Amino acid sequence: MTMHLVGPYMTTTNYKKRKAKKKTAGVLEEERKMEQLLQKVGYVKNSNHRYKMPDYTVSEPLAPTSDYVGNGFKRATKQYTGDELAGIGTLHKSNMVPIRKDSNAAKEIAQMRRN
């Protein structure tokens, strides 16, 4: 039976410590060469050397910005002048409808409620 079929709570009983293997002559020679190379380059083991952070503060004033948004084509803002709407009428139950001054919408809404 494999381990994945037994369940998540089964553990191994093998607590034997393994002996560390001795390094061969070739491995010791390569480690010695690496130490010489690191000394030649100037590497210091366990050093806390940190590079200084560059100063990113802006001393000069920034360039002037524009009022354009996105790709540069800003639409003119629409503003109601107050000369088109006469009011708001209730068409059916709570359905609010704008009533213009130049139309007969107010009369039509009033007649519809009575018919």
PDB file of N, CA and C in Angstrom:
ATOM      1  N   MET A   1       0.846  -1.178   0.000  1.00  0.00           N
ATOM      2  CA  MET A   1       0.000   0.000   0.000  1.00  0.00           C
ATOM      3  C   MET A   1       0.892   1.241   0.000  1.00  0.00           C
ATOM      4  N   THR A   2       0.543   2.254  -0.761  1.00  0.00           N
ATOM      5  CA  THR A   2       1.373   3.451  -0.841  1.00  0.00           C
ATOM      6  C   THR A   2       1.002   4.436   0.252  1.00  0.00           C
ATOM      7  N   MET A   3       1.889   5.410   0.477  1.00  0.00           N
ATOM      8  CA  MET A   3       1.684   6.381   1.561  1.00  0.00           C
ATOM      9  C   MET A   3       0.465   7.259   1.334  1.00  0.00           C
ATOM     10  N   HIS A   4       0.174   7.608   0.084  1.00  0.00           N
ATOM     11  CA  HIS A   4      -0.947   8.517  -0.134  1.00  0.00           C
ATOM     12  C   HIS A   4      -2.286   7.826   0.089  1.00  0.00           C
ATOM     13  N   LEU A   5      -2.306   6.526   0.129  1.00  0.00           N
ATOM     14  CA  LEU A   5      -3.560   5.820   0.400  1.00  0.00           C
ATOM     15  C   LEU A   5      -3.774   5.574   1.891  1.00  0.00           C
ATOM     16  N   VAL A   6      -2.717   5.648   2.697  1.00  0.00           N
ATOM     17  CA  VAL A   6      -2.814   5.322   4.117  1.00  0.00           C
ATOM     18  C   VAL A   6      -3.488   6.447   4.887  1.00  0.00           C
ATOM     19  N   GLY A   7      -3.156   7.678   4.618  1.00  0.00           N
ATOM     20  CA  GLY A   7      -3.790   8.784   5.324  1.00  0.00           C
ATOM     21  C   GLY A   7      -2.785   9.851   5.689  1.00  0.00           C
ATOM     22  N   PRO A   8      -3.258  11.002   6.121  1.00  0.00           N
ATOM     23  CA  PRO A   8      -2.347  12.107   6.387  1.00  0.00           C
ATOM     24  C   PRO A   8      -1.639  11.992   7.729  1.00  0.00           C
ATOM     25  N   TYR A   9      -2.067  11.092   8.643  1.00  0.00           N
ATOM     26  CA  TYR A   9      -1.502  11.053   9.983  1.00  0.00           C
ATOM     27  C   TYR A   9      -0.413  10.008  10.156  1.00  0.00           C
ATOM     28  N   MET A  10      -0.127   9.239   9.140  1.00  0.00           N
ATOM     29  CA  MET A  10       0.903   8.220   9.250  1.00  0.00           C
ATOM     30  C   MET A  10       2.275   8.849   9.046  1.00  0.00           C
ATOM     31  N   THR A  11       3.231   8.544   9.931  1.00  0.00           N
ATOM     32  CA  THR A  11       4.572   9.083   9.810  1.00  0.00           C
ATOM     33  C   THR A  11       5.557   7.946   9.699  1.00  0.00           C
ATOM     34  N   THR A  12       6.806   8.298   9.436  1.00  0.00           N
ATOM     35  CA  THR A  12       7.848   7.298   9.343  1.00  0.00           C
ATOM     36  C   THR A  12       8.478   7.058  10.711  1.00  0.00           C
ATOM     37  N   THR A  13       9.047   5.912  10.924  1.00  0.00           N
ATOM     38  CA  THR A  13       9.721   5.610  12.187  1.00  0.00           C
ATOM     39  C   THR A  13      11.230   5.592  12.017  1.00  0.00           C
ATOM     40  N   ASN A  14      11.729   6.049  10.876  1.00  0.00           N
ATOM     41  CA  ASN A  14      13.146   6.045  10.599  1.00  0.00           C
ATOM     42  C   ASN A  14      13.736   7.378  11.059  1.00  0.00           C
ATOM     43  N   TYR A  15      14.315   7.389  12.275  1.00  0.00           N
ATOM     44  CA  TYR A  15      14.902   8.603  12.818  1.00  0.00           C
ATOM     45  C   TYR A  15      16.423   8.520  12.842  1.00  0.00           C
ATOM     46  N   LYS A  16      17.004   7.686  12.037  1.00  0.00           N
ATOM     47  CA  LYS A  16      18.435   7.451  12.009  1.00  0.00           C
ATOM     48  C   LYS A  16      19.153   8.656  11.407  1.00  0.00           C
ATOM     49  N   LYS A  17      20.190   9.137  12.112  1.00  0.00           N
ATOM     50  CA  LYS A  17      20.984  10.240  11.585  1.00  0.00           C
ATOM     51  C   LYS A  17      22.007   9.687  10.617  1.00  0.00           C
ATOM     52  N   ARG A  18      22.171  10.339   9.512  1.00  0.00           N
ATOM     53  CA  ARG A  18      23.122   9.909   8.506  1.00  0.00           C
ATOM     54  C   ARG A  18      24.492  10.519   8.800  1.00  0.00           C
ATOM     55  N   LYS A  19      25.539   9.804   8.506  1.00  0.00           N
ATOM     56  CA  LYS A  19      26.889  10.307   8.666  1.00  0.00           C
ATOM     57  C   LYS A  19      27.228  11.230   7.503  1.00  0.00           C
ATOM     58  N   ALA A  20      27.923  12.317   7.812  1.00  0.00           N
ATOM     59  CA  ALA A  20      28.345  13.235   6.759  1.00  0.00           C
ATOM     60  C   ALA A  20      29.480  12.584   5.973  1.00  0.00           C
ATOM     61  N   LYS A  21      29.390  12.645   4.666  1.00  0.00           N
ATOM     62  CA  LYS A  21      30.417  12.045   3.824  1.00  0.00           C
ATOM     63  C   LYS A  21      31.638  12.951   3.783  1.00  0.00           C
ATOM     64  N   LYS A  22      32.834  12.358   3.742  1.00  0.00           N
ATOM     65  CA  LYS A  22      34.066  13.128   3.662  1.00  0.00           C
ATOM     66  C   LYS A  22      34.222  13.680   2.254  1.00  0.00           C
ATOM     67  N   LYS A  23      34.769  14.905   2.186  1.00  0.00           N
ATOM     68  CA  LYS A  23      34.973  15.533   0.886  1.00  0.00           C
ATOM     69  C   LYS A  23      36.177  14.899   0.199  1.00  0.00           C
ATOM     70  N   THR A  24      36.057  14.742  -1.086  1.00  0.00           N
ATOM     71  CA  THR A  24      37.145  14.155  -1.856  1.00  0.00           C
ATOM     72  C   THR A  24      38.215  15.203  -2.121  1.00  0.00           C
ATOM     73  N   ALA A  25      39.341  14.771  -2.606  1.00  0.00           N
ATOM     74  CA  ALA A  25      40.455  15.675  -2.888  1.00  0.00           C
ATOM     75  C   ALA A  25      40.084  16.673  -3.984  1.00  0.00           C
ATOM     76  N   GLY A  26      39.308  16.241  -4.981  1.00  0.00           N
ATOM     77  CA  GLY A  26      38.892  17.142  -6.063  1.00  0.00           C
ATOM     78  C   GLY A  26      37.978  18.251  -5.556  1.00  0.00           C
ATOM     79  N   VAL A  27      37.063  17.913  -4.649  1.00  0.00           N
ATOM     80  CA  VAL A  27      36.143  18.915  -4.100  1.00  0.00           C
ATOM     81  C   VAL A  27      36.916  19.918  -3.257  1.00  0.00           C
ATOM     82  N   LEU A  28      37.877  19.426  -2.435  1.00  0.00           N
ATOM     83  CA  LEU A  28      38.680  20.325  -1.611  1.00  0.00           C
ATOM     84  C   LEU A  28      39.523  21.258  -2.479  1.00  0.00           C
ATOM     85  N   GLU A  29      40.039  20.752  -3.583  1.00  0.00           N
ATOM     86  CA  GLU A  29      40.825  21.591  -4.493  1.00  0.00           C
ATOM     87  C   GLU A  29      39.970  22.682  -5.130  1.00  0.00           C
ATOM     88  N   GLU A  30      38.756  22.334  -5.543  1.00  0.00           N
ATOM     89  CA  GLU A  30      37.848  23.327  -6.147  1.00  0.00           C
ATOM     90  C   GLU A  30      37.421  24.387  -5.127  1.00  0.00           C
ATOM     91  N   GLU A  31      37.203  23.976  -3.877  1.00  0.00           N
ATOM     92  CA  GLU A  31      36.847  24.950  -2.848  1.00  0.00           C
ATOM     93  C   GLU A  31      38.005  25.910  -2.603  1.00  0.00           C
ATOM     94  N   ARG A  32      39.256  25.406  -2.618  1.00  0.00           N
ATOM     95  CA  ARG A  32      40.423  26.257  -2.426  1.00  0.00           C
ATOM     96  C   ARG A  32      40.552  27.264  -3.572  1.00  0.00           C
ATOM     97  N   LYS A  33      40.309  26.811  -4.798  1.00  0.00           N
ATOM     98  CA  LYS A  33      40.357  27.715  -5.957  1.00  0.00           C
ATOM     99  C   LYS A  33      39.277  28.792  -5.859  1.00  0.00           C
ATOM    100  N   MET A  34      38.100  28.384  -5.389  1.00  0.00           N
ATOM    101  CA  MET A  34      36.998  29.356  -5.258  1.00  0.00           C
ATOM    102  C   MET A  34      37.331  30.402  -4.196  1.00  0.00           C
ATOM    103  N   GLU A  35      37.931  30.004  -3.097  1.00  0.00           N
ATOM    104  CA  GLU A  35      38.327  30.950  -2.053  1.00  0.00           C
ATOM    105  C   GLU A  35      39.353  31.950  -2.599  1.00  0.00           C
ATOM    106  N   GLN A  36      40.313  31.467  -3.376  1.00  0.00           N
ATOM    107  CA  GLN A  36      41.309  32.363  -3.968  1.00  0.00           C
ATOM    108  C   GLN A  36      40.653  33.356  -4.920  1.00  0.00           C
ATOM    109  N   LEU A  37      39.704  32.866  -5.710  1.00  0.00           N
ATOM    110  CA  LEU A  37      39.011  33.752  -6.656  1.00  0.00           C
ATOM    111  C   LEU A  37      38.205  34.815  -5.908  1.00  0.00           C
ATOM    112  N   LEU A  38      37.506  34.431  -4.850  1.00  0.00           N
ATOM    113  CA  LEU A  38      36.710  35.393  -4.095  1.00  0.00           C
ATOM    114  C   LEU A  38      37.585  36.428  -3.404  1.00  0.00           C
ATOM    115  N   GLN A  39      38.745  36.028  -2.925  1.00  0.00           N
ATOM    116  CA  GLN A  39      39.666  36.989  -2.321  1.00  0.00           C
ATOM    117  C   GLN A  39      40.197  37.955  -3.375  1.00  0.00           C
ATOM    118  N   LYS A  40      40.489  37.437  -4.545  1.00  0.00           N
ATOM    119  CA  LYS A  40      40.990  38.270  -5.642  1.00  0.00           C
ATOM    120  C   LYS A  40      39.959  39.323  -6.064  1.00  0.00           C
ATOM    121  N   VAL A  41      38.688  38.922  -6.095  1.00  0.00           N
ATOM    122  CA  VAL A  41      37.610  39.829  -6.498  1.00  0.00           C
ATOM    123  C   VAL A  41      37.301  40.842  -5.392  1.00  0.00           C
ATOM    124  N   GLY A  42      37.556  40.465  -4.125  1.00  0.00           N
ATOM    125  CA  GLY A  42      37.299  41.384  -3.028  1.00  0.00           C
ATOM    126  C   GLY A  42      36.049  41.033  -2.233  1.00  0.00           C
ATOM    127  N   TYR A  43      35.616  39.808  -2.344  1.00  0.00           N
ATOM    128  CA  TYR A  43      34.405  39.371  -1.635  1.00  0.00           C
ATOM    129  C   TYR A  43      34.736  39.150  -0.166  1.00  0.00           C
ATOM    130  N   VAL A  44      33.900  39.717   0.720  1.00  0.00           N
ATOM    131  CA  VAL A  44      34.066  39.523   2.150  1.00  0.00           C
ATOM    132  C   VAL A  44      32.865  38.725   2.639  1.00  0.00           C
ATOM    133  N   LYS A  45      33.132  37.578   3.257  1.00  0.00           N
ATOM    134  CA  LYS A  45      32.049  36.701   3.707  1.00  0.00           C
ATOM    135  C   LYS A  45      31.332  37.331   4.898  1.00  0.00           C
ATOM    136  N   ASN A  46      30.011  37.237   4.915  1.00  0.00           N
ATOM    137  CA  ASN A  46      29.150  37.747   5.993  1.00  0.00           C
ATOM    138  C   ASN A  46      29.317  39.250   6.213  1.00  0.00           C
ATOM    139  N   SER A  47      29.536  40.021   5.174  1.00  0.00           N
ATOM    140  CA  SER A  47      29.650  41.468   5.334  1.00  0.00           C
ATOM    141  C   SER A  47      28.257  42.087   5.238  1.00  0.00           C
ATOM    142  N   ASN A  48      28.097  43.221   5.879  1.00  0.00           N
ATOM    143  CA  ASN A  48      26.813  43.934   5.870  1.00  0.00           C
ATOM    144  C   ASN A  48      26.895  45.144   4.953  1.00  0.00           C
ATOM    145  N   HIS A  49      27.588  45.027   3.857  1.00  0.00           N
ATOM    146  CA  HIS A  49      27.735  46.144   2.938  1.00  0.00           C
ATOM    147  C   HIS A  49      26.425  46.419   2.225  1.00  0.00           C
ATOM    148  N   ARG A  50      26.015  47.659   2.239  1.00  0.00           N
ATOM    149  CA  ARG A  50      24.802  48.060   1.531  1.00  0.00           C
ATOM    150  C   ARG A  50      25.136  49.281   0.670  1.00  0.00           C
ATOM    151  N   TYR A  51      24.590  49.320  -0.520  1.00  0.00           N
ATOM    152  CA  TYR A  51      24.774  50.477  -1.376  1.00  0.00           C
ATOM    153  C   TYR A  51      23.909  51.614  -0.876  1.00  0.00           C
ATOM    154  N   LYS A  52      24.385  52.839  -1.043  1.00  0.00           N
ATOM    155  CA  LYS A  52      23.612  54.001  -0.625  1.00  0.00           C
ATOM    156  C   LYS A  52      22.458  54.207  -1.601  1.00  0.00           C
ATOM    157  N   MET A  53      21.301  54.582  -1.060  1.00  0.00           N
ATOM    158  CA  MET A  53      20.137  54.850  -1.900  1.00  0.00           C
ATOM    159  C   MET A  53      20.337  56.170  -2.627  1.00  0.00           C
ATOM    160  N   PRO A  54      20.021  56.244  -3.906  1.00  0.00           N
ATOM    161  CA  PRO A  54      20.145  57.513  -4.626  1.00  0.00           C
ATOM    162  C   PRO A  54      19.106  58.514  -4.145  1.00  0.00           C
ATOM    163  N   ASP A  55      19.440  59.793  -4.271  1.00  0.00           N
ATOM    164  CA  ASP A  55      18.552  60.867  -3.840  1.00  0.00           C
ATOM    165  C   ASP A  55      17.586  61.186  -4.981  1.00  0.00           C
ATOM    166  N   TYR A  56      16.300  60.909  -4.748  1.00  0.00           N
ATOM    167  CA  TYR A  56      15.284  61.135  -5.777  1.00  0.00           C
ATOM    168  C   TYR A  56      14.475  62.405  -5.545  1.00  0.00           C
ATOM    169  N   THR A  57      14.886  63.275  -4.651  1.00  0.00           N
ATOM    170  CA  THR A  57      14.129  64.500  -4.404  1.00  0.00           C
ATOM    171  C   THR A  57      14.259  65.432  -5.607  1.00  0.00           C
ATOM    172  N   VAL A  58      13.201  66.194  -5.854  1.00  0.00           N
ATOM    173  CA  VAL A  58      13.160  67.100  -6.994  1.00  0.00           C
ATOM    174  C   VAL A  58      13.450  68.497  -6.490  1.00  0.00           C
ATOM    175  N   SER A  59      14.521  69.097  -6.970  1.00  0.00           N
ATOM    176  CA  SER A  59      14.889  70.432  -6.517  1.00  0.00           C
ATOM    177  C   SER A  59      14.350  71.509  -7.460  1.00  0.00           C
ATOM    178  N   GLU A  60      14.193  71.184  -8.729  1.00  0.00           N
ATOM    179  CA  GLU A  60      13.686  72.154  -9.695  1.00  0.00           C
ATOM    180  C   GLU A  60      12.171  72.092  -9.746  1.00  0.00           C
ATOM    181  N   PRO A  61      11.503  73.201 -10.089  1.00  0.00           N
ATOM    182  CA  PRO A  61      10.035  73.149 -10.199  1.00  0.00           C
ATOM    183  C   PRO A  61       9.621  72.235 -11.352  1.00  0.00           C
ATOM    184  N   LEU A  62       8.480  71.626 -11.183  1.00  0.00           N
ATOM    185  CA  LEU A  62       7.985  70.709 -12.204  1.00  0.00           C
ATOM    186  C   LEU A  62       7.516  71.456 -13.443  1.00  0.00           C
ATOM    187  N   ALA A  63       7.430  70.779 -14.532  1.00  0.00           N
ATOM    188  CA  ALA A  63       6.942  71.374 -15.772  1.00  0.00           C
ATOM    189  C   ALA A  63       5.468  71.710 -15.625  1.00  0.00           C
ATOM    190  N   PRO A  64       4.976  72.743 -16.271  1.00  0.00           N
ATOM    191  CA  PRO A  64       3.557  73.081 -16.152  1.00  0.00           C
ATOM    192  C   PRO A  64       2.681  71.981 -16.738  1.00  0.00           C
ATOM    193  N   THR A  65       1.580  71.728 -16.082  1.00  0.00           N
ATOM    194  CA  THR A  65       0.672  70.685 -16.548  1.00  0.00           C
ATOM    195  C   THR A  65      -0.492  71.294 -17.299  1.00  0.00           C
ATOM    196  N   SER A  66      -1.184  70.478 -18.068  1.00  0.00           N
ATOM    197  CA  SER A  66      -2.333  70.955 -18.824  1.00  0.00           C
ATOM    198  C   SER A  66      -3.612  70.469 -18.167  1.00  0.00           C
ATOM    199  N   ASP A  67      -4.724  71.001 -18.617  1.00  0.00           N
ATOM    200  CA  ASP A  67      -6.021  70.605 -18.083  1.00  0.00           C
ATOM    201  C   ASP A  67      -6.646  69.484 -18.895  1.00  0.00           C
ATOM    202  N   TYR A  68      -5.949  68.996 -19.891  1.00  0.00           N
ATOM    203  CA  TYR A  68      -6.502  67.953 -20.731  1.00  0.00           C
ATOM    204  C   TYR A  68      -6.441  66.607 -20.030  1.00  0.00           C
ATOM    205  N   VAL A  69      -7.421  65.765 -20.330  1.00  0.00           N
ATOM    206  CA  VAL A  69      -7.508  64.449 -19.701  1.00  0.00           C
ATOM    207  C   VAL A  69      -7.294  63.385 -20.765  1.00  0.00           C
ATOM    208  N   GLY A  70      -6.595  62.308 -20.419  1.00  0.00           N
ATOM    209  CA  GLY A  70      -6.448  61.177 -21.331  1.00  0.00           C
ATOM    210  C   GLY A  70      -5.599  61.521 -22.533  1.00  0.00           C
ATOM    211  N   ASN A  71      -6.200  61.461 -23.714  1.00  0.00           N
ATOM    212  CA  ASN A  71      -5.443  61.678 -24.940  1.00  0.00           C
ATOM    213  C   ASN A  71      -5.447  63.139 -25.379  1.00  0.00           C
ATOM    214  N   GLY A  72      -5.981  64.032 -24.587  1.00  0.00           N
ATOM    215  CA  GLY A  72      -5.904  65.447 -24.904  1.00  0.00           C
ATOM    216  C   GLY A  72      -7.185  66.062 -25.428  1.00  0.00           C
ATOM    217  N   PHE A  73      -8.242  65.291 -25.588  1.00  0.00           N
ATOM    218  CA  PHE A  73      -9.490  65.832 -26.104  1.00  0.00           C
ATOM    219  C   PHE A  73     -10.529  65.822 -24.999  1.00  0.00           C
ATOM    220  N   LYS A  74     -10.668  66.905 -24.293  1.00  0.00           N
ATOM    221  CA  LYS A  74     -11.625  67.003 -23.204  1.00  0.00           C
ATOM    222  C   LYS A  74     -12.897  67.652 -23.736  1.00  0.00           C
ATOM    223  N   ARG A  75     -14.006  67.008 -23.440  1.00  0.00           N
ATOM    224  CA  ARG A  75     -15.276  67.564 -23.891  1.00  0.00           C
ATOM    225  C   ARG A  75     -15.646  68.781 -23.055  1.00  0.00           C
ATOM    226  N   ALA A  76     -16.352  69.697 -23.691  1.00  0.00           N
ATOM    227  CA  ALA A  76     -16.838  70.857 -22.957  1.00  0.00           C
ATOM    228  C   ALA A  76     -17.939  70.403 -22.011  1.00  0.00           C
ATOM    229  N   THR A  77     -17.912  70.899 -20.794  1.00  0.00           N
ATOM    230  CA  THR A  77     -18.908  70.479 -19.813  1.00  0.00           C
ATOM    231  C   THR A  77     -20.259  71.093 -20.154  1.00  0.00           C
ATOM    232  N   LYS A  78     -21.305  70.276 -20.051  1.00  0.00           N
ATOM    233  CA  LYS A  78     -22.653  70.744 -20.352  1.00  0.00           C
ATOM    234  C   LYS A  78     -23.265  71.353 -19.098  1.00  0.00           C
ATOM    235  N   GLN A  79     -23.905  72.487 -19.269  1.00  0.00           N
ATOM    236  CA  GLN A  79     -24.511  73.156 -18.138  1.00  0.00           C
ATOM    237  C   GLN A  79     -25.923  73.588 -18.531  1.00  0.00           C
ATOM    238  N   TYR A  80     -26.888  73.301 -17.650  1.00  0.00           N
ATOM    239  CA  TYR A  80     -28.286  73.629 -17.932  1.00  0.00           C
ATOM    240  C   TYR A  80     -28.518  75.123 -17.714  1.00  0.00           C
ATOM    241  N   THR A  81     -29.150  75.757 -18.710  1.00  0.00           N
ATOM    242  CA  THR A  81     -29.368  77.200 -18.634  1.00  0.00           C
ATOM    243  C   THR A  81     -30.682  77.561 -17.958  1.00  0.00           C
ATOM    244  N   GLY A  82     -31.623  76.623 -17.893  1.00  0.00           N
ATOM    245  CA  GLY A  82     -32.874  76.886 -17.188  1.00  0.00           C
ATOM    246  C   GLY A  82     -34.005  77.367 -18.081  1.00  0.00           C
ATOM    247  N   ASP A  83     -33.868  77.359 -19.407  1.00  0.00           N
ATOM    248  CA  ASP A  83     -34.919  77.883 -20.281  1.00  0.00           C
ATOM    249  C   ASP A  83     -35.599  76.801 -21.106  1.00  0.00           C
ATOM    250  N   GLU A  84     -35.358  75.531 -20.828  1.00  0.00           N
ATOM    251  CA  GLU A  84     -35.966  74.481 -21.641  1.00  0.00           C
ATOM    252  C   GLU A  84     -37.007  73.662 -20.886  1.00  0.00           C
ATOM    253  N   LEU A  85     -36.765  73.329 -19.629  1.00  0.00           N
ATOM    254  CA  LEU A  85     -37.693  72.496 -18.879  1.00  0.00           C
ATOM    255  C   LEU A  85     -38.688  73.332 -18.102  1.00  0.00           C
ATOM    256  N   ALA A  86     -39.925  72.874 -18.154  1.00  0.00           N
ATOM    257  CA  ALA A  86     -40.966  73.552 -17.381  1.00  0.00           C
ATOM    258  C   ALA A  86     -41.146  72.879 -16.031  1.00  0.00           C
ATOM    259  N   GLY A  87     -40.886  71.591 -15.962  1.00  0.00           N
ATOM    260  CA  GLY A  87     -41.043  70.878 -14.696  1.00  0.00           C
ATOM    261  C   GLY A  87     -40.970  69.380 -14.909  1.00  0.00           C
ATOM    262  N   ILE A  88     -41.447  68.632 -13.898  1.00  0.00           N
ATOM    263  CA  ILE A  88     -41.440  67.177 -13.931  1.00  0.00           C
ATOM    264  C   ILE A  88     -42.860  66.701 -13.686  1.00  0.00           C
ATOM    265  N   GLY A  89     -43.321  65.821 -14.572  1.00  0.00           N
ATOM    266  CA  GLY A  89     -44.674  65.281 -14.421  1.00  0.00           C
ATOM    267  C   GLY A  89     -44.636  63.800 -14.100  1.00  0.00           C
ATOM    268  N   THR A  90     -45.698  63.313 -13.439  1.00  0.00           N
ATOM    269  CA  THR A  90     -45.805  61.895 -13.105  1.00  0.00           C
ATOM    270  C   THR A  90     -46.669  61.233 -14.150  1.00  0.00           C
ATOM    271  N   LEU A  91     -46.067  60.341 -14.936  1.00  0.00           N
ATOM    272  CA  LEU A  91     -46.783  59.711 -16.043  1.00  0.00           C
ATOM    273  C   LEU A  91     -47.651  58.567 -15.549  1.00  0.00           C
ATOM    274  N   HIS A  92     -47.088  57.614 -14.870  1.00  0.00           N
ATOM    275  CA  HIS A  92     -47.853  56.463 -14.393  1.00  0.00           C
ATOM    276  C   HIS A  92     -47.227  56.007 -13.090  1.00  0.00           C
ATOM    277  N   LYS A  93     -47.982  55.997 -12.039  1.00  0.00           N
ATOM    278  CA  LYS A  93     -47.511  55.666 -10.692  1.00  0.00           C
ATOM    279  C   LYS A  93     -46.336  56.564 -10.333  1.00  0.00           C
ATOM    280  N   SER A  94     -45.137  56.045 -10.251  1.00  0.00           N
ATOM    281  CA  SER A  94     -44.006  56.887  -9.836  1.00  0.00           C
ATOM    282  C   SER A  94     -43.011  57.095 -10.975  1.00  0.00           C
ATOM    283  N   ASN A  95     -43.498  57.073 -12.213  1.00  0.00           N
ATOM    284  CA  ASN A  95     -42.626  57.283 -13.366  1.00  0.00           C
ATOM    285  C   ASN A  95     -42.519  58.775 -13.632  1.00  0.00           C
ATOM    286  N   MET A  96     -41.359  59.361 -13.284  1.00  0.00           N
ATOM    287  CA  MET A  96     -41.169  60.804 -13.450  1.00  0.00           C
ATOM    288  C   MET A  96     -40.699  61.102 -14.867  1.00  0.00           C
ATOM    289  N   VAL A  97     -41.309  62.111 -15.510  1.00  0.00           N
ATOM    290  CA  VAL A  97     -41.024  62.470 -16.891  1.00  0.00           C
ATOM    291  C   VAL A  97     -40.724  63.956 -16.949  1.00  0.00           C
ATOM    292  N   PRO A  98     -39.643  64.378 -17.614  1.00  0.00           N
ATOM    293  CA  PRO A  98     -39.381  65.811 -17.753  1.00  0.00           C
ATOM    294  C   PRO A  98     -40.353  66.437 -18.757  1.00  0.00           C
ATOM    295  N   ILE A  99     -40.827  67.628 -18.453  1.00  0.00           N
ATOM    296  CA  ILE A  99     -41.780  68.337 -19.327  1.00  0.00           C
ATOM    297  C   ILE A  99     -41.077  69.572 -19.878  1.00  0.00           C
ATOM    298  N   ARG A 100     -41.037  69.659 -21.220  1.00  0.00           N
ATOM    299  CA  ARG A 100     -40.395  70.792 -21.873  1.00  0.00           C
ATOM    300  C   ARG A 100     -41.407  71.914 -22.090  1.00  0.00           C
ATOM    301  N   LYS A 101     -40.877  73.113 -22.217  1.00  0.00           N
ATOM    302  CA  LYS A 101     -41.750  74.268 -22.403  1.00  0.00           C
ATOM    303  C   LYS A 101     -42.350  74.309 -23.801  1.00  0.00           C
ATOM    304  N   ASP A 102     -41.645  73.805 -24.813  1.00  0.00           N
ATOM    305  CA  ASP A 102     -42.108  73.920 -26.191  1.00  0.00           C
ATOM    306  C   ASP A 102     -42.996  72.752 -26.635  1.00  0.00           C
ATOM    307  N   SER A 103     -43.387  71.866 -25.727  1.00  0.00           N
ATOM    308  CA  SER A 103     -44.220  70.726 -26.124  1.00  0.00           C
ATOM    309  C   SER A 103     -45.526  70.717 -25.326  1.00  0.00           C
ATOM    310  N   ASN A 104     -46.441  69.860 -25.751  1.00  0.00           N
ATOM    311  CA  ASN A 104     -47.730  69.712 -25.075  1.00  0.00           C
ATOM    312  C   ASN A 104     -47.722  68.511 -24.128  1.00  0.00           C
ATOM    313  N   ALA A 105     -46.582  68.145 -23.620  1.00  0.00           N
ATOM    314  CA  ALA A 105     -46.461  66.965 -22.775  1.00  0.00           C
ATOM    315  C   ALA A 105     -47.268  67.119 -21.494  1.00  0.00           C
ATOM    316  N   ALA A 106     -47.331  68.315 -20.934  1.00  0.00           N
ATOM    317  CA  ALA A 106     -48.070  68.516 -19.686  1.00  0.00           C
ATOM    318  C   ALA A 106     -49.559  68.262 -19.902  1.00  0.00           C
ATOM    319  N   LYS A 107     -50.113  68.744 -21.025  1.00  0.00           N
ATOM    320  CA  LYS A 107     -51.538  68.534 -21.318  1.00  0.00           C
ATOM    321  C   LYS A 107     -51.816  67.057 -21.577  1.00  0.00           C
ATOM    322  N   GLU A 108     -50.927  66.388 -22.325  1.00  0.00           N
ATOM    323  CA  GLU A 108     -51.118  64.967 -22.623  1.00  0.00           C
ATOM    324  C   GLU A 108     -51.068  64.105 -21.368  1.00  0.00           C
ATOM    325  N   ILE A 109     -50.163  64.410 -20.482  1.00  0.00           N
ATOM    326  CA  ILE A 109     -50.067  63.640 -19.233  1.00  0.00           C
ATOM    327  C   ILE A 109     -51.309  63.867 -18.380  1.00  0.00           C
ATOM    328  N   ALA A 110     -51.777  65.096 -18.328  1.00  0.00           N
ATOM    329  CA  ALA A 110     -52.966  65.396 -17.517  1.00  0.00           C
ATOM    330  C   ALA A 110     -54.204  64.697 -18.085  1.00  0.00           C
ATOM    331  N   GLN A 111     -54.366  64.662 -19.406  1.00  0.00           N
ATOM    332  CA  GLN A 111     -55.522  63.993 -20.012  1.00  0.00           C
ATOM    333  C   GLN A 111     -55.419  62.474 -19.876  1.00  0.00           C
ATOM    334  N   MET A 112     -54.251  61.926 -19.922  1.00  0.00           N
ATOM    335  CA  MET A 112     -54.086  60.492 -19.831  1.00  0.00           C
ATOM    336  C   MET A 112     -54.509  59.986 -18.453  1.00  0.00           C
ATOM    337  N   ARG A 113     -54.290  60.753 -17.441  1.00  0.00           N
ATOM    338  CA  ARG A 113     -54.648  60.325 -16.074  1.00  0.00           C
ATOM    339  C   ARG A 113     -56.171  60.311 -15.886  1.00  0.00           C
ATOM    340  N   ARG A 114     -56.891  61.094 -16.693  1.00  0.00           N
ATOM    341  CA  ARG A 114     -58.345  61.169 -16.515  1.00  0.00           C
ATOM    342  C   ARG A 114     -59.120  60.252 -17.443  1.00  0.00           C
ATOM    343  N   ASN A 115     -58.501  59.754 -18.489  1.00  0.00           N
ATOM    344  CA  ASN A 115     -59.234  58.926 -19.440  1.00  0.00           C
ATOM    345  C   ASN A 115     -59.308  57.497 -19.042  1.00  0.00           C
TER     346      ASN A 115
END
